[in-house]
Amino acid sequence: MSDTHDPYRAADATGGAPGSDTQPPGHPVGRTPDSAYGAQGPASGTAGLSDKTKVVAGLLQLFLGIFGAGRWYLGWTRIALAQLGLYVLGIALFIGGVTLVTTSAGAQTGQVGGGGVLVPLGWLLCLGPALWALIDAIRMFIGKVPDAQGRLLR
């Protein structure tokens, strides 16, 4: 059978001759075997959609995001550790500052010492991961955060 009777082997948009090796045999012009996956398919370096969902990731990040729960779920371990670490550091500084401010030695002499700086610094370090988690949760809900393998969430 000649190539002129095969509709899938017609000339491509770049002007290639019928039967040229620009397309795999048996596939329409402009399509590859992997193009059914869309832009996120194997042809672009990812394997399609993730087995993780936007709703679960977003809810985990919304309610437990200061501990990095949504990022743990998606496989982003380093980002999750950064969120957890900043929050723990903030809590430690806040508690340490409150302890220094309220100790009996500092209260008797009327000196606040370094604790007065640690309390707001600790509070800011707790607020930072909370805002980060909120923004991450919104981005997860709208599908802007992929899983650790680069696949889009379901």
N, C-alpha and C. Protein backbone atom coordinates (compact mmCIF):
# COMPACT_ATOMS: atom_id res chain seq x y z
N MET A 1 0.86 -1.18 0.00
CA MET A 1 0.00 0.00 0.00
C MET A 1 0.89 1.24 0.00
N SER A 2 0.55 2.21 -0.80
CA SER A 2 1.39 3.39 -0.90
C SER A 2 1.06 4.37 0.21
N ASP A 3 1.98 5.29 0.48
CA ASP A 3 1.81 6.28 1.54
C ASP A 3 0.74 7.31 1.21
N THR A 4 0.39 7.49 -0.06
CA THR A 4 -0.58 8.51 -0.41
C THR A 4 -1.99 8.15 0.03
N HIS A 5 -2.27 6.88 0.30
CA HIS A 5 -3.58 6.46 0.74
C HIS A 5 -3.71 6.41 2.25
N ASP A 6 -2.64 6.61 2.97
CA ASP A 6 -2.66 6.57 4.44
C ASP A 6 -2.89 7.98 4.97
N PRO A 7 -4.07 8.29 5.57
CA PRO A 7 -4.33 9.66 6.03
C PRO A 7 -3.41 10.10 7.16
N TYR A 8 -2.84 9.17 7.89
CA TYR A 8 -1.96 9.54 9.00
C TYR A 8 -0.55 9.86 8.55
N ARG A 9 -0.25 9.60 7.32
CA ARG A 9 1.10 9.84 6.82
C ARG A 9 1.11 11.02 5.85
N ALA A 10 0.14 11.90 5.96
CA ALA A 10 0.07 13.07 5.07
C ALA A 10 1.19 14.03 5.40
N ALA A 11 1.38 15.01 4.54
CA ALA A 11 2.43 16.01 4.76
C ALA A 11 2.16 16.77 6.05
N ASP A 12 3.22 17.06 6.80
CA ASP A 12 3.05 17.79 8.05
C ASP A 12 3.04 19.29 7.80
N ALA A 13 2.82 20.06 8.85
CA ALA A 13 2.69 21.52 8.74
C ALA A 13 3.98 22.19 8.30
N THR A 14 5.11 21.54 8.51
CA THR A 14 6.39 22.15 8.11
C THR A 14 6.72 21.88 6.66
N GLY A 15 5.83 21.17 5.94
CA GLY A 15 6.06 20.93 4.53
C GLY A 15 6.79 19.64 4.25
N GLY A 16 6.90 18.76 5.22
CA GLY A 16 7.56 17.49 5.00
C GLY A 16 6.77 16.63 4.02
N ALA A 17 7.47 15.82 3.29
CA ALA A 17 6.83 14.98 2.29
C ALA A 17 6.03 13.87 2.95
N PRO A 18 4.98 13.39 2.27
CA PRO A 18 4.26 12.25 2.81
C PRO A 18 5.19 11.06 2.98
N GLY A 19 5.03 10.40 4.11
CA GLY A 19 5.87 9.24 4.36
C GLY A 19 7.22 9.57 4.97
N SER A 20 7.46 10.85 5.26
CA SER A 20 8.75 11.21 5.87
C SER A 20 8.78 10.72 7.32
N ASP A 21 9.92 10.74 7.92
CA ASP A 21 10.10 10.23 9.28
C ASP A 21 9.82 11.27 10.35
N THR A 22 9.04 12.32 10.05
CA THR A 22 8.77 13.35 11.04
C THR A 22 7.76 12.91 12.08
N GLN A 23 6.90 11.92 11.79
CA GLN A 23 5.90 11.41 12.73
C GLN A 23 6.03 9.90 12.82
N PRO A 24 5.72 9.33 13.99
CA PRO A 24 5.73 7.88 14.09
C PRO A 24 4.65 7.29 13.19
N PRO A 25 4.88 6.13 12.59
CA PRO A 25 3.87 5.52 11.73
C PRO A 25 2.58 5.26 12.49
N GLY A 26 1.44 5.55 11.85
CA GLY A 26 0.15 5.25 12.45
C GLY A 26 -0.38 6.35 13.36
N HIS A 27 0.27 7.52 13.45
CA HIS A 27 -0.19 8.60 14.32
C HIS A 27 -0.50 9.83 13.48
N PRO A 28 -1.55 10.57 13.82
CA PRO A 28 -1.89 11.77 13.06
C PRO A 28 -0.77 12.79 13.09
N VAL A 29 -0.73 13.61 12.07
CA VAL A 29 0.28 14.66 11.98
C VAL A 29 0.11 15.62 13.14
N GLY A 30 1.21 16.01 13.76
CA GLY A 30 1.18 16.96 14.86
C GLY A 30 0.94 16.30 16.21
N ARG A 31 0.78 14.99 16.23
CA ARG A 31 0.54 14.29 17.50
C ARG A 31 1.60 13.21 17.66
N THR A 32 1.96 12.96 18.87
CA THR A 32 2.89 11.89 19.18
C THR A 32 2.16 10.87 20.05
N PRO A 33 2.72 9.70 20.26
CA PRO A 33 2.04 8.72 21.11
C PRO A 33 1.76 9.24 22.52
N ASP A 34 2.55 10.21 23.00
CA ASP A 34 2.39 10.71 24.36
C ASP A 34 1.54 11.97 24.44
N SER A 35 1.06 12.50 23.32
CA SER A 35 0.38 13.79 23.36
C SER A 35 -1.00 13.71 24.00
N ALA A 36 -1.53 12.52 24.23
CA ALA A 36 -2.82 12.40 24.91
C ALA A 36 -2.76 12.90 26.34
N TYR A 37 -1.56 12.96 26.92
CA TYR A 37 -1.40 13.42 28.29
C TYR A 37 -1.48 14.93 28.41
N GLY A 38 -1.37 15.64 27.33
CA GLY A 38 -1.39 17.09 27.38
C GLY A 38 -0.01 17.64 27.66
N ALA A 39 0.04 18.93 28.03
CA ALA A 39 1.32 19.61 28.23
C ALA A 39 2.10 19.04 29.41
N GLN A 40 1.42 18.38 30.36
CA GLN A 40 2.10 17.84 31.52
C GLN A 40 2.42 16.36 31.35
N GLY A 41 2.32 15.84 30.17
CA GLY A 41 2.52 14.42 29.93
C GLY A 41 3.98 14.04 29.85
N PRO A 42 4.25 12.80 29.52
CA PRO A 42 5.62 12.29 29.45
C PRO A 42 6.51 13.06 28.50
N ALA A 43 5.95 13.65 27.45
CA ALA A 43 6.78 14.39 26.50
C ALA A 43 7.42 15.61 27.15
N SER A 44 6.80 16.17 28.21
CA SER A 44 7.36 17.35 28.86
C SER A 44 8.17 17.01 30.10
N GLY A 45 8.43 15.71 30.34
CA GLY A 45 9.28 15.32 31.45
C GLY A 45 8.54 14.92 32.70
N THR A 46 7.22 14.91 32.70
CA THR A 46 6.48 14.47 33.87
C THR A 46 5.60 13.29 33.47
N ALA A 47 5.03 12.63 34.42
CA ALA A 47 4.24 11.44 34.14
C ALA A 47 2.75 11.70 34.32
N GLY A 48 2.26 12.88 33.96
CA GLY A 48 0.83 13.16 34.06
C GLY A 48 0.45 13.72 35.41
N LEU A 49 -0.71 13.30 35.89
CA LEU A 49 -1.23 13.81 37.15
C LEU A 49 -0.69 13.02 38.33
N SER A 50 -0.58 13.69 39.45
CA SER A 50 -0.13 13.08 40.69
C SER A 50 -1.23 12.23 41.29
N ASP A 51 -0.85 11.31 42.16
CA ASP A 51 -1.86 10.55 42.90
C ASP A 51 -2.33 11.33 44.12
N LYS A 52 -1.73 12.48 44.38
CA LYS A 52 -2.12 13.36 45.49
C LYS A 52 -3.20 14.34 45.01
N THR A 53 -4.05 14.81 45.93
CA THR A 53 -5.12 15.72 45.54
C THR A 53 -4.89 17.13 46.08
N LYS A 54 -5.45 18.11 45.36
CA LYS A 54 -5.35 19.52 45.77
C LYS A 54 -6.05 19.75 47.11
N VAL A 55 -7.20 19.11 47.29
CA VAL A 55 -8.01 19.34 48.49
C VAL A 55 -7.28 18.85 49.74
N VAL A 56 -6.74 17.64 49.69
CA VAL A 56 -6.03 17.10 50.86
C VAL A 56 -4.79 17.94 51.16
N ALA A 57 -4.01 18.26 50.12
CA ALA A 57 -2.80 19.06 50.32
C ALA A 57 -3.15 20.44 50.88
N GLY A 58 -4.17 21.07 50.31
CA GLY A 58 -4.57 22.40 50.78
C GLY A 58 -5.08 22.40 52.20
N LEU A 59 -5.90 21.41 52.56
CA LEU A 59 -6.41 21.35 53.93
C LEU A 59 -5.30 21.06 54.94
N LEU A 60 -4.40 20.15 54.59
CA LEU A 60 -3.26 19.88 55.49
C LEU A 60 -2.43 21.14 55.69
N GLN A 61 -2.19 21.86 54.60
CA GLN A 61 -1.37 23.07 54.70
C GLN A 61 -2.10 24.18 55.43
N LEU A 62 -3.41 24.26 55.25
CA LEU A 62 -4.20 25.30 55.90
C LEU A 62 -4.23 25.11 57.42
N PHE A 63 -4.46 23.88 57.88
CA PHE A 63 -4.63 23.65 59.31
C PHE A 63 -3.34 23.22 60.02
N LEU A 64 -2.42 22.59 59.31
CA LEU A 64 -1.17 22.13 59.94
C LEU A 64 0.06 22.62 59.19
N GLY A 65 -0.10 23.70 58.44
CA GLY A 65 0.98 24.20 57.60
C GLY A 65 2.18 24.72 58.35
N ILE A 66 1.99 25.20 59.59
CA ILE A 66 3.15 25.68 60.36
C ILE A 66 4.11 24.53 60.66
N PHE A 67 3.60 23.30 60.59
CA PHE A 67 4.45 22.12 60.76
C PHE A 67 4.87 21.54 59.41
N GLY A 68 4.46 22.18 58.31
CA GLY A 68 4.82 21.73 56.97
C GLY A 68 4.03 20.53 56.48
N ALA A 69 2.84 20.28 57.04
CA ALA A 69 2.10 19.04 56.74
C ALA A 69 1.74 18.90 55.26
N GLY A 70 1.30 19.97 54.62
CA GLY A 70 0.96 19.89 53.21
C GLY A 70 2.17 19.59 52.35
N ARG A 71 3.30 20.17 52.70
CA ARG A 71 4.54 19.91 51.96
C ARG A 71 5.05 18.49 52.20
N TRP A 72 4.90 17.99 53.43
CA TRP A 72 5.27 16.58 53.69
C TRP A 72 4.43 15.67 52.80
N TYR A 73 3.13 15.94 52.74
CA TYR A 73 2.20 15.14 51.95
C TYR A 73 2.61 15.09 50.48
N LEU A 74 3.08 16.23 49.95
CA LEU A 74 3.46 16.30 48.54
C LEU A 74 4.88 15.83 48.27
N GLY A 75 5.63 15.54 49.33
CA GLY A 75 7.00 15.05 49.15
C GLY A 75 8.07 16.12 49.19
N TRP A 76 7.72 17.35 49.47
CA TRP A 76 8.69 18.45 49.55
C TRP A 76 9.28 18.49 50.97
N THR A 77 10.17 17.58 51.27
CA THR A 77 10.69 17.41 52.62
C THR A 77 11.49 18.62 53.10
N ARG A 78 12.33 19.16 52.26
CA ARG A 78 13.17 20.30 52.69
C ARG A 78 12.34 21.54 53.00
N ILE A 79 11.32 21.80 52.19
CA ILE A 79 10.45 22.95 52.46
C ILE A 79 9.67 22.71 53.75
N ALA A 80 9.19 21.48 53.94
CA ALA A 80 8.47 21.15 55.17
C ALA A 80 9.36 21.33 56.39
N LEU A 81 10.61 20.89 56.30
CA LEU A 81 11.55 21.07 57.41
C LEU A 81 11.83 22.55 57.67
N ALA A 82 11.90 23.35 56.63
CA ALA A 82 12.11 24.79 56.81
C ALA A 82 10.93 25.43 57.53
N GLN A 83 9.70 25.06 57.14
CA GLN A 83 8.51 25.61 57.80
C GLN A 83 8.48 25.18 59.26
N LEU A 84 8.73 23.92 59.51
CA LEU A 84 8.74 23.41 60.88
C LEU A 84 9.86 24.05 61.70
N GLY A 85 11.04 24.15 61.12
CA GLY A 85 12.19 24.72 61.83
C GLY A 85 11.98 26.18 62.21
N LEU A 86 11.45 26.97 61.28
CA LEU A 86 11.19 28.38 61.60
C LEU A 86 10.16 28.53 62.71
N TYR A 87 9.13 27.70 62.67
CA TYR A 87 8.10 27.78 63.70
C TYR A 87 8.65 27.37 65.07
N VAL A 88 9.42 26.29 65.10
CA VAL A 88 10.01 25.83 66.38
C VAL A 88 10.99 26.88 66.92
N LEU A 89 11.79 27.47 66.04
CA LEU A 89 12.71 28.53 66.46
C LEU A 89 11.94 29.73 67.02
N GLY A 90 10.86 30.09 66.36
CA GLY A 90 10.03 31.20 66.84
C GLY A 90 9.44 30.93 68.21
N ILE A 91 8.93 29.72 68.41
CA ILE A 91 8.37 29.34 69.71
C ILE A 91 9.45 29.36 70.79
N ALA A 92 10.63 28.83 70.45
CA ALA A 92 11.74 28.80 71.42
C ALA A 92 12.16 30.22 71.81
N LEU A 93 12.28 31.11 70.84
CA LEU A 93 12.67 32.49 71.15
C LEU A 93 11.58 33.20 71.96
N PHE A 94 10.33 32.97 71.61
CA PHE A 94 9.23 33.60 72.33
C PHE A 94 9.19 33.13 73.78
N ILE A 95 9.27 31.83 73.99
CA ILE A 95 9.25 31.28 75.36
C ILE A 95 10.49 31.72 76.13
N GLY A 96 11.65 31.70 75.47
CA GLY A 96 12.87 32.15 76.14
C GLY A 96 12.80 33.61 76.52
N GLY A 97 12.25 34.43 75.64
CA GLY A 97 12.11 35.86 75.95
C GLY A 97 11.14 36.11 77.09
N VAL A 98 10.01 35.40 77.08
CA VAL A 98 9.04 35.56 78.17
C VAL A 98 9.66 35.10 79.48
N THR A 99 10.42 34.01 79.44
CA THR A 99 11.08 33.51 80.65
C THR A 99 12.08 34.52 81.20
N LEU A 100 12.87 35.12 80.30
CA LEU A 100 13.85 36.12 80.75
C LEU A 100 13.18 37.36 81.31
N VAL A 101 12.07 37.75 80.72
CA VAL A 101 11.38 38.95 81.18
C VAL A 101 10.74 38.73 82.54
N THR A 102 10.21 37.55 82.74
CA THR A 102 9.44 37.29 83.96
C THR A 102 10.22 36.61 85.08
N THR A 103 11.50 36.42 84.91
CA THR A 103 12.28 35.80 85.99
C THR A 103 12.32 36.73 87.19
N SER A 104 12.49 36.14 88.34
CA SER A 104 12.46 36.93 89.57
C SER A 104 13.63 37.91 89.65
N ALA A 105 14.79 37.54 89.10
CA ALA A 105 15.94 38.45 89.17
C ALA A 105 15.69 39.69 88.32
N GLY A 106 15.15 39.50 87.14
CA GLY A 106 14.87 40.64 86.26
C GLY A 106 13.73 41.48 86.78
N ALA A 107 12.73 40.85 87.39
CA ALA A 107 11.58 41.59 87.90
C ALA A 107 11.96 42.42 89.12
N GLN A 108 12.86 41.91 89.97
CA GLN A 108 13.25 42.63 91.18
C GLN A 108 14.10 43.84 90.86
N THR A 109 14.96 43.74 89.89
CA THR A 109 15.85 44.86 89.56
C THR A 109 15.21 45.83 88.57
N GLY A 110 14.12 45.41 87.94
CA GLY A 110 13.44 46.29 86.99
C GLY A 110 14.10 46.30 85.62
N GLN A 111 15.05 45.38 85.39
CA GLN A 111 15.72 45.32 84.11
C GLN A 111 15.04 44.27 83.22
N VAL A 112 14.80 44.67 82.02
CA VAL A 112 14.17 43.74 81.08
C VAL A 112 15.22 42.85 80.44
N GLY A 113 16.36 43.36 80.12
CA GLY A 113 17.42 42.57 79.52
C GLY A 113 17.11 42.18 78.08
N GLY A 114 17.74 41.08 77.62
CA GLY A 114 17.58 40.61 76.24
C GLY A 114 16.23 39.99 75.97
N GLY A 115 15.48 39.65 77.00
CA GLY A 115 14.19 39.02 76.80
C GLY A 115 13.19 39.92 76.10
N GLY A 116 13.33 41.23 76.25
CA GLY A 116 12.42 42.15 75.62
C GLY A 116 12.52 42.14 74.11
N VAL A 117 13.67 41.76 73.58
CA VAL A 117 13.86 41.67 72.13
C VAL A 117 13.42 40.30 71.62
N LEU A 118 13.62 39.28 72.43
CA LEU A 118 13.31 37.93 72.00
C LEU A 118 11.82 37.67 71.82
N VAL A 119 10.99 38.32 72.63
CA VAL A 119 9.54 38.09 72.54
C VAL A 119 9.00 38.53 71.18
N PRO A 120 9.22 39.77 70.72
CA PRO A 120 8.69 40.13 69.40
C PRO A 120 9.37 39.38 68.25
N LEU A 121 10.66 39.08 68.41
CA LEU A 121 11.36 38.31 67.39
C LEU A 121 10.76 36.91 67.28
N GLY A 122 10.51 36.28 68.40
CA GLY A 122 9.88 34.97 68.40
C GLY A 122 8.48 35.02 67.81
N TRP A 123 7.74 36.07 68.15
CA TRP A 123 6.40 36.22 67.62
C TRP A 123 6.43 36.36 66.10
N LEU A 124 7.37 37.15 65.56
CA LEU A 124 7.49 37.31 64.12
C LEU A 124 7.90 36.00 63.45
N LEU A 125 8.79 35.25 64.10
CA LEU A 125 9.20 33.97 63.53
C LEU A 125 8.08 32.93 63.58
N CYS A 126 7.09 33.11 64.42
CA CYS A 126 5.90 32.24 64.41
C CYS A 126 4.90 32.72 63.37
N LEU A 127 4.81 34.03 63.19
CA LEU A 127 3.87 34.60 62.23
C LEU A 127 4.31 34.31 60.79
N GLY A 128 5.60 34.34 60.54
CA GLY A 128 6.13 34.08 59.19
C GLY A 128 5.69 32.74 58.62
N PRO A 129 5.97 31.63 59.31
CA PRO A 129 5.51 30.33 58.79
C PRO A 129 3.99 30.22 58.70
N ALA A 130 3.26 30.92 59.56
CA ALA A 130 1.80 30.88 59.47
C ALA A 130 1.31 31.54 58.18
N LEU A 131 1.88 32.70 57.83
CA LEU A 131 1.53 33.36 56.57
C LEU A 131 1.99 32.53 55.38
N TRP A 132 3.17 31.95 55.48
CA TRP A 132 3.71 31.09 54.43
C TRP A 132 2.75 29.91 54.21
N ALA A 133 2.28 29.31 55.29
CA ALA A 133 1.37 28.17 55.20
C ALA A 133 0.04 28.58 54.56
N LEU A 134 -0.47 29.75 54.90
CA LEU A 134 -1.72 30.22 54.32
C LEU A 134 -1.59 30.44 52.81
N ILE A 135 -0.51 31.09 52.41
CA ILE A 135 -0.27 31.32 50.98
C ILE A 135 -0.06 30.00 50.26
N ASP A 136 0.69 29.09 50.86
CA ASP A 136 0.89 27.76 50.28
C ASP A 136 -0.44 27.02 50.12
N ALA A 137 -1.30 27.10 51.13
CA ALA A 137 -2.59 26.41 51.07
C ALA A 137 -3.43 26.94 49.91
N ILE A 138 -3.46 28.26 49.74
CA ILE A 138 -4.21 28.85 48.64
C ILE A 138 -3.64 28.38 47.31
N ARG A 139 -2.33 28.39 47.19
CA ARG A 139 -1.69 27.94 45.95
C ARG A 139 -1.96 26.46 45.68
N MET A 140 -2.03 25.65 46.73
CA MET A 140 -2.34 24.23 46.57
C MET A 140 -3.79 24.04 46.12
N PHE A 141 -4.71 24.80 46.71
CA PHE A 141 -6.11 24.69 46.33
C PHE A 141 -6.33 25.03 44.86
N ILE A 142 -5.60 26.01 44.33
CA ILE A 142 -5.79 26.40 42.94
C ILE A 142 -4.88 25.64 41.98
N GLY A 143 -4.08 24.71 42.50
CA GLY A 143 -3.28 23.84 41.65
C GLY A 143 -1.96 24.40 41.18
N LYS A 144 -1.42 25.38 41.88
CA LYS A 144 -0.15 25.99 41.47
C LYS A 144 1.08 25.31 42.08
N VAL A 145 0.87 24.35 42.99
CA VAL A 145 1.99 23.65 43.62
C VAL A 145 1.96 22.20 43.16
N PRO A 146 3.00 21.74 42.44
CA PRO A 146 3.04 20.35 42.03
C PRO A 146 3.57 19.46 43.15
N ASP A 147 3.52 18.16 42.95
CA ASP A 147 4.14 17.28 43.93
C ASP A 147 5.66 17.28 43.71
N ALA A 148 6.38 16.53 44.51
CA ALA A 148 7.85 16.56 44.44
C ALA A 148 8.39 16.03 43.12
N GLN A 149 7.60 15.26 42.39
CA GLN A 149 8.02 14.75 41.08
C GLN A 149 7.64 15.71 39.94
N GLY A 150 7.04 16.85 40.28
CA GLY A 150 6.67 17.83 39.28
C GLY A 150 5.33 17.59 38.63
N ARG A 151 4.56 16.64 39.12
CA ARG A 151 3.25 16.34 38.54
C ARG A 151 2.18 17.23 39.14
N LEU A 152 1.20 17.60 38.35
CA LEU A 152 0.09 18.42 38.82
C LEU A 152 -0.80 17.59 39.73
N LEU A 153 -1.38 18.27 40.73
CA LEU A 153 -2.27 17.59 41.67
C LEU A 153 -3.63 17.36 41.03
N ARG A 154 -4.29 16.30 41.46
CA ARG A 154 -5.65 15.99 40.95
C ARG A 154 -6.66 16.93 41.52
